């Protein structure tokens, strides 16, 4: 999915609990080159740390962030910024 705002286009990827903790490189980069400089990964808030560490361990050609949403209901979320460029 793509999200656009002003001059930015962000490639958004929603990850299940299993995908967020395993995060194979093919899931992180889509398996192909991407023209988008920004990526956002969305997962449950209790998987943020594992996903962040896995993304930091991969040489990715784009800036990335993670949005962790509460799996307990409500409107709580946390944004974690990271970069690999």
Protein backbone atom coordinates (compact mmCIF):
# COMPACT_ATOMS: atom_id res chain seq x y z
CA UNK A 1 0.00 0.00 0.00
CA UNK A 2 1.18 3.55 -0.67
CA UNK A 3 0.49 6.56 1.51
CA UNK A 4 1.00 10.01 0.02
CA UNK A 5 1.26 13.38 1.71
CA UNK A 6 2.72 16.56 0.26
CA UNK A 7 5.89 15.56 -1.59
CA UNK A 8 6.31 12.18 0.11
CA UNK A 9 5.19 8.77 -1.00
CA UNK A 10 5.61 6.09 1.67
CA UNK A 11 5.41 2.37 1.00
CA UNK A 12 3.39 0.92 3.92
CA UNK A 13 3.66 -2.75 4.88
CA UNK A 14 1.44 -4.32 7.54
CA UNK A 15 3.11 -7.26 9.30
CA UNK A 16 1.48 -10.00 11.35
CA UNK A 17 3.01 -11.04 14.66
CA UNK A 18 4.87 -13.89 12.98
CA UNK A 19 6.15 -11.74 10.11
CA UNK A 20 7.32 -9.01 12.50
CA UNK A 21 9.35 -11.40 14.64
CA UNK A 22 10.80 -13.44 11.77
CA UNK A 23 11.14 -10.55 9.28
CA UNK A 24 12.94 -12.36 6.51
CA UNK A 25 14.74 -9.92 4.18
CA UNK A 26 12.29 -10.71 1.38
CA UNK A 27 9.48 -9.29 3.55
CA UNK A 28 11.47 -6.19 4.38
CA UNK A 29 12.29 -5.20 0.82
CA UNK A 30 9.48 -6.82 -1.14
CA UNK A 31 12.06 -8.90 -2.98
CA UNK A 32 12.63 -6.17 -5.56
CA UNK A 33 14.07 -2.71 -5.90
CA UNK A 34 11.63 0.01 -4.93
CA UNK A 35 11.47 3.59 -6.23
CA UNK A 36 10.25 4.79 -2.83
CA UNK A 37 12.74 6.32 -0.38
CA UNK A 38 10.46 5.89 2.64
CA UNK A 39 9.00 2.71 4.14
CA UNK A 40 6.68 2.26 7.09
CA UNK A 41 6.13 -1.09 8.76
CA UNK A 42 2.99 -1.50 10.88
CA UNK A 43 2.74 -4.23 13.51
CA UNK A 44 1.53 -4.91 17.05
CA UNK A 45 3.29 -2.81 19.70
CA UNK A 46 4.77 -5.82 21.50
CA UNK A 47 6.80 -6.71 18.36
CA UNK A 48 8.40 -3.29 17.78
CA UNK A 49 11.75 -4.11 19.42
CA UNK A 50 12.28 -7.37 17.53
CA UNK A 51 11.35 -5.79 14.21
CA UNK A 52 13.56 -2.75 14.83
CA UNK A 53 16.59 -4.93 15.59
CA UNK A 54 16.00 -7.09 12.53
CA UNK A 55 15.63 -4.07 10.23
CA UNK A 56 18.79 -2.51 11.67
CA UNK A 57 20.64 -5.72 10.80
CA UNK A 58 19.70 -5.52 7.11
CA UNK A 59 21.35 -3.09 4.67
CA UNK A 60 18.21 -1.42 3.31
CA UNK A 61 18.26 1.29 0.59
CA UNK A 62 15.52 3.40 2.16
CA UNK A 63 14.59 5.26 5.33
CA UNK A 64 12.12 3.40 7.50
CA UNK A 65 9.85 3.74 10.50
CA UNK A 66 7.69 1.36 12.50
CA UNK A 67 4.21 2.06 13.81
CA UNK A 68 3.26 -0.24 16.65
CA UNK A 69 -0.46 -0.40 17.34
CA UNK A 70 -2.03 -1.59 20.58
CA UNK A 71 -3.49 -5.08 20.32
CA UNK A 72 -5.52 -4.39 23.47
CA UNK A 73 -7.95 -2.15 21.68
CA UNK A 74 -8.16 1.59 21.87
CA UNK A 75 -6.35 4.15 19.78
CA UNK A 76 -2.85 3.78 21.25
CA UNK A 77 0.14 3.59 18.92
CA UNK A 78 3.88 4.20 19.01
CA UNK A 79 6.13 5.44 16.21
CA UNK A 80 9.75 4.29 16.08
CA UNK A 81 12.05 6.00 13.58
CA UNK A 82 14.99 4.26 12.01
CA UNK A 83 17.16 4.68 8.95
CA UNK A 84 19.44 2.57 6.80
CA UNK A 85 20.33 4.91 3.97
